[in-house]
N, C-alpha and C. Protein backbone atom coordinates (compact mmCIF):
# COMPACT_ATOMS: atom_id res chain seq x y z
N UNK A 1 0.83 -1.19 0.00
CA UNK A 1 0.00 0.00 0.00
C UNK A 1 0.87 1.24 0.00
N UNK A 2 0.39 2.25 -0.68
CA UNK A 2 1.12 3.51 -0.83
C UNK A 2 0.41 4.61 -0.06
N UNK A 3 1.13 5.67 0.18
CA UNK A 3 0.57 6.87 0.78
C UNK A 3 0.89 8.02 -0.16
N UNK A 4 -0.09 8.85 -0.39
CA UNK A 4 0.11 10.01 -1.25
C UNK A 4 -0.16 11.26 -0.44
N UNK A 5 0.80 12.16 -0.44
CA UNK A 5 0.62 13.46 0.22
C UNK A 5 0.51 14.51 -0.86
N UNK A 6 -0.51 15.33 -0.79
CA UNK A 6 -0.75 16.34 -1.80
C UNK A 6 -0.75 17.71 -1.17
N UNK A 7 -0.15 18.67 -1.83
CA UNK A 7 -0.32 20.05 -1.42
C UNK A 7 -1.63 20.53 -2.00
N UNK A 8 -2.41 21.22 -1.23
CA UNK A 8 -3.71 21.66 -1.72
C UNK A 8 -3.96 23.10 -1.35
N UNK A 9 -4.53 23.85 -2.26
CA UNK A 9 -4.94 25.21 -1.99
C UNK A 9 -6.43 25.28 -2.25
N UNK A 10 -7.16 25.81 -1.30
CA UNK A 10 -8.60 25.92 -1.46
C UNK A 10 -9.10 27.04 -0.57
N UNK A 11 -10.31 27.43 -0.77
CA UNK A 11 -10.90 28.49 0.04
C UNK A 11 -11.78 29.37 -0.82
N UNK A 12 -12.52 30.25 -0.18
CA UNK A 12 -13.41 31.14 -0.93
C UNK A 12 -12.86 32.56 -0.91
N UNK A 13 -12.87 33.19 0.23
CA UNK A 13 -12.41 34.57 0.27
C UNK A 13 -10.90 34.66 0.43
N UNK A 14 -10.31 33.66 1.01
CA UNK A 14 -8.86 33.65 1.13
C UNK A 14 -8.36 32.25 0.82
N UNK A 15 -7.14 32.15 0.42
CA UNK A 15 -6.57 30.86 0.07
C UNK A 15 -5.92 30.26 1.30
N UNK A 16 -6.24 29.02 1.55
CA UNK A 16 -5.67 28.30 2.67
C UNK A 16 -4.80 27.20 2.07
N UNK A 17 -3.57 27.14 2.46
CA UNK A 17 -2.69 26.08 1.97
C UNK A 17 -2.49 25.06 3.06
N UNK A 18 -2.54 23.80 2.68
CA UNK A 18 -2.36 22.74 3.65
C UNK A 18 -1.90 21.50 2.90
N UNK A 19 -1.61 20.46 3.63
CA UNK A 19 -1.19 19.20 3.05
C UNK A 19 -2.20 18.15 3.43
N UNK A 20 -2.65 17.37 2.44
CA UNK A 20 -3.53 16.26 2.76
C UNK A 20 -2.81 14.97 2.43
N UNK A 21 -3.18 13.92 3.15
CA UNK A 21 -2.57 12.62 2.95
C UNK A 21 -3.67 11.59 2.77
N UNK A 22 -3.50 10.74 1.77
CA UNK A 22 -4.45 9.66 1.54
C UNK A 22 -3.65 8.36 1.64
N UNK A 23 -3.99 7.55 2.62
CA UNK A 23 -3.28 6.29 2.86
C UNK A 23 -3.95 5.12 2.14
N UNK A 24 -3.21 4.03 1.99
CA UNK A 24 -3.78 2.77 1.51
C UNK A 24 -4.01 2.70 0.02
N UNK A 25 -3.30 3.51 -0.76
CA UNK A 25 -3.47 3.49 -2.21
C UNK A 25 -2.52 2.50 -2.85
N UNK A 26 -2.96 1.90 -3.96
CA UNK A 26 -2.03 1.05 -4.71
C UNK A 26 -1.29 1.91 -5.73
N UNK A 27 -0.31 1.33 -6.42
CA UNK A 27 0.53 2.10 -7.34
C UNK A 27 -0.28 2.72 -8.48
N UNK A 28 -1.28 2.00 -8.97
CA UNK A 28 -2.11 2.52 -10.05
C UNK A 28 -2.91 3.74 -9.58
N UNK A 29 -3.43 3.68 -8.37
CA UNK A 29 -4.19 4.81 -7.83
C UNK A 29 -3.29 6.02 -7.62
N UNK A 30 -2.07 5.79 -7.13
CA UNK A 30 -1.12 6.89 -6.94
C UNK A 30 -0.79 7.53 -8.29
N UNK A 31 -0.55 6.70 -9.31
CA UNK A 31 -0.24 7.22 -10.64
C UNK A 31 -1.41 8.03 -11.19
N UNK A 32 -2.64 7.52 -10.98
CA UNK A 32 -3.80 8.25 -11.46
C UNK A 32 -3.98 9.57 -10.71
N UNK A 33 -3.77 9.56 -9.40
CA UNK A 33 -3.88 10.81 -8.64
C UNK A 33 -2.82 11.82 -9.08
N UNK A 34 -1.62 11.33 -9.39
CA UNK A 34 -0.59 12.24 -9.91
C UNK A 34 -1.08 12.90 -11.20
N UNK A 35 -1.68 12.11 -12.07
CA UNK A 35 -2.20 12.64 -13.33
C UNK A 35 -3.34 13.62 -13.05
N UNK A 36 -4.29 13.22 -12.20
CA UNK A 36 -5.42 14.10 -11.88
C UNK A 36 -4.92 15.42 -11.30
N UNK A 37 -3.91 15.34 -10.43
CA UNK A 37 -3.39 16.53 -9.77
C UNK A 37 -2.71 17.46 -10.76
N UNK A 38 -2.19 16.90 -11.86
CA UNK A 38 -1.48 17.72 -12.84
C UNK A 38 -2.43 18.50 -13.76
N UNK A 39 -3.70 18.12 -13.78
CA UNK A 39 -4.67 18.78 -14.64
C UNK A 39 -4.99 20.17 -14.10
N UNK A 40 -5.11 21.14 -14.99
CA UNK A 40 -5.26 22.52 -14.55
C UNK A 40 -6.69 23.02 -14.48
N UNK A 41 -7.57 22.46 -15.28
CA UNK A 41 -8.95 22.95 -15.31
C UNK A 41 -9.93 21.79 -15.20
N UNK A 42 -11.17 22.15 -14.91
CA UNK A 42 -12.23 21.14 -14.86
C UNK A 42 -12.42 20.52 -16.24
N UNK A 43 -12.26 21.33 -17.28
CA UNK A 43 -12.37 20.80 -18.66
C UNK A 43 -11.28 19.76 -18.91
N UNK A 44 -10.06 20.04 -18.46
CA UNK A 44 -8.96 19.07 -18.59
C UNK A 44 -9.33 17.77 -17.89
N UNK A 45 -9.93 17.89 -16.70
CA UNK A 45 -10.35 16.70 -15.94
C UNK A 45 -11.37 15.90 -16.74
N UNK A 46 -12.39 16.58 -17.26
CA UNK A 46 -13.42 15.88 -18.03
C UNK A 46 -12.83 15.23 -19.29
N UNK A 47 -11.93 15.94 -19.95
CA UNK A 47 -11.29 15.38 -21.15
C UNK A 47 -10.49 14.13 -20.81
N UNK A 48 -9.75 14.18 -19.71
CA UNK A 48 -8.95 13.02 -19.30
C UNK A 48 -9.86 11.85 -18.94
N UNK A 49 -10.87 12.09 -18.11
CA UNK A 49 -11.75 11.01 -17.66
C UNK A 49 -12.48 10.39 -18.85
N UNK A 50 -12.80 11.18 -19.86
CA UNK A 50 -13.51 10.65 -21.03
C UNK A 50 -12.68 9.65 -21.83
N UNK A 51 -11.36 9.63 -21.61
CA UNK A 51 -10.49 8.69 -22.32
C UNK A 51 -10.37 7.35 -21.58
N UNK A 52 -10.91 7.27 -20.36
CA UNK A 52 -10.75 6.08 -19.53
C UNK A 52 -11.86 5.07 -19.78
N UNK A 53 -11.56 3.80 -19.52
CA UNK A 53 -12.62 2.80 -19.57
C UNK A 53 -13.49 2.95 -18.32
N UNK A 54 -14.59 2.21 -18.24
CA UNK A 54 -15.56 2.42 -17.16
C UNK A 54 -14.96 2.14 -15.78
N UNK A 55 -14.11 1.14 -15.67
CA UNK A 55 -13.50 0.83 -14.37
C UNK A 55 -12.57 1.95 -13.92
N UNK A 56 -11.75 2.46 -14.84
CA UNK A 56 -10.84 3.55 -14.49
C UNK A 56 -11.59 4.86 -14.27
N UNK A 57 -12.69 5.06 -15.00
CA UNK A 57 -13.53 6.24 -14.77
C UNK A 57 -14.06 6.23 -13.35
N UNK A 58 -14.55 5.08 -12.93
CA UNK A 58 -15.06 4.95 -11.56
C UNK A 58 -13.95 5.21 -10.54
N UNK A 59 -12.75 4.68 -10.81
CA UNK A 59 -11.63 4.90 -9.90
C UNK A 59 -11.28 6.39 -9.84
N UNK A 60 -11.25 7.06 -10.99
CA UNK A 60 -10.94 8.49 -11.02
C UNK A 60 -11.97 9.29 -10.23
N UNK A 61 -13.25 8.97 -10.42
CA UNK A 61 -14.30 9.67 -9.68
C UNK A 61 -14.16 9.45 -8.18
N UNK A 62 -13.86 8.23 -7.79
CA UNK A 62 -13.68 7.92 -6.37
C UNK A 62 -12.48 8.66 -5.80
N UNK A 63 -11.39 8.72 -6.53
CA UNK A 63 -10.19 9.40 -6.06
C UNK A 63 -10.43 10.91 -5.92
N UNK A 64 -11.15 11.50 -6.86
CA UNK A 64 -11.48 12.92 -6.76
C UNK A 64 -12.34 13.16 -5.52
N UNK A 65 -13.32 12.29 -5.28
CA UNK A 65 -14.15 12.42 -4.08
C UNK A 65 -13.32 12.29 -2.81
N UNK A 66 -12.33 11.38 -2.82
CA UNK A 66 -11.45 11.23 -1.65
C UNK A 66 -10.66 12.50 -1.39
N UNK A 67 -10.17 13.13 -2.46
CA UNK A 67 -9.42 14.38 -2.31
C UNK A 67 -10.32 15.45 -1.70
N UNK A 68 -11.53 15.56 -2.22
CA UNK A 68 -12.45 16.58 -1.71
C UNK A 68 -12.77 16.34 -0.24
N UNK A 69 -13.08 15.10 0.11
CA UNK A 69 -13.42 14.78 1.51
C UNK A 69 -12.23 15.03 2.44
N UNK A 70 -11.05 14.66 2.01
CA UNK A 70 -9.87 14.87 2.85
C UNK A 70 -9.58 16.36 3.00
N UNK A 71 -9.81 17.14 1.94
CA UNK A 71 -9.61 18.59 2.04
C UNK A 71 -10.60 19.20 3.02
N UNK A 72 -11.85 18.74 2.99
CA UNK A 72 -12.85 19.23 3.93
C UNK A 72 -12.46 18.85 5.35
N UNK A 73 -12.06 17.59 5.55
CA UNK A 73 -11.64 17.13 6.88
C UNK A 73 -10.47 17.97 7.40
N UNK A 74 -9.51 18.24 6.55
CA UNK A 74 -8.34 19.03 6.95
C UNK A 74 -8.76 20.45 7.31
N UNK A 75 -9.65 21.02 6.51
CA UNK A 75 -10.14 22.38 6.78
C UNK A 75 -10.85 22.44 8.12
N UNK A 76 -11.71 21.49 8.38
CA UNK A 76 -12.45 21.46 9.65
C UNK A 76 -11.51 21.23 10.83
N UNK A 77 -10.55 20.36 10.67
CA UNK A 77 -9.61 20.06 11.75
C UNK A 77 -8.78 21.29 12.13
N UNK A 78 -8.57 22.19 11.17
CA UNK A 78 -7.77 23.39 11.42
C UNK A 78 -8.58 24.54 12.00
N UNK A 79 -9.89 24.41 12.04
CA UNK A 79 -10.74 25.48 12.58
C UNK A 79 -10.86 25.37 14.09
N UNK A 80 -10.94 26.52 14.72
CA UNK A 80 -11.14 26.54 16.17
C UNK A 80 -12.43 27.24 16.55
N UNK A 81 -13.01 27.96 15.61
CA UNK A 81 -14.23 28.71 15.88
C UNK A 81 -15.28 28.36 14.83
N UNK A 82 -16.48 28.08 15.27
CA UNK A 82 -17.56 27.69 14.38
C UNK A 82 -18.78 28.58 14.63
N UNK A 83 -18.75 29.82 14.13
CA UNK A 83 -19.85 30.75 14.41
C UNK A 83 -21.21 30.27 13.88
N UNK A 84 -21.22 29.57 12.75
CA UNK A 84 -22.48 29.08 12.21
C UNK A 84 -23.12 28.06 13.16
N UNK A 85 -22.30 27.19 13.72
CA UNK A 85 -22.79 26.19 14.65
C UNK A 85 -23.32 26.87 15.91
N UNK A 86 -22.58 27.86 16.42
CA UNK A 86 -23.02 28.59 17.61
C UNK A 86 -24.39 29.24 17.37
N UNK A 87 -24.56 29.85 16.20
CA UNK A 87 -25.84 30.49 15.87
C UNK A 87 -26.98 29.48 15.86
N UNK A 88 -26.76 28.33 15.26
CA UNK A 88 -27.80 27.30 15.19
C UNK A 88 -28.13 26.79 16.58
N UNK A 89 -27.12 26.52 17.38
CA UNK A 89 -27.35 26.03 18.74
C UNK A 89 -28.09 27.07 19.58
N UNK A 90 -27.75 28.33 19.44
CA UNK A 90 -28.45 29.38 20.18
C UNK A 90 -29.93 29.43 19.79
N UNK A 91 -30.22 29.30 18.50
CA UNK A 91 -31.60 29.29 18.03
C UNK A 91 -32.37 28.10 18.61
N UNK A 92 -31.73 26.96 18.67
CA UNK A 92 -32.37 25.76 19.23
C UNK A 92 -32.62 25.97 20.71
N UNK A 93 -31.63 26.46 21.43
CA UNK A 93 -31.76 26.68 22.89
C UNK A 93 -32.83 27.72 23.21
N UNK A 94 -32.97 28.73 22.38
CA UNK A 94 -33.96 29.79 22.64
C UNK A 94 -35.39 29.35 22.34
N UNK A 95 -35.55 28.30 21.53
CA UNK A 95 -36.89 27.79 21.24
C UNK A 95 -37.44 26.97 22.39
N UNK A 96 -36.54 26.36 23.17
CA UNK A 96 -36.94 25.46 24.24
C UNK A 96 -37.39 26.19 25.41
């Protein structure tokens, strides 16, 4: 099993840089993630995936979903303040 560490930049109003790690990948998955990571646009991604057979298309979709989920997990793990959650909890508490 392989481990892939990716540098990732994401965010809305500001860019947050962090490193994500995906464990338990085989060599083919690592090679595909390297290729996916090298693509610059969503159109490039769609063009690449359209060249794959159905099994590899499914693997590419799953790997992209893993990247997204790991990025979300990393973002949440780095947060210390959750104002949206506080607002919702206050609304719930005030109804009771």
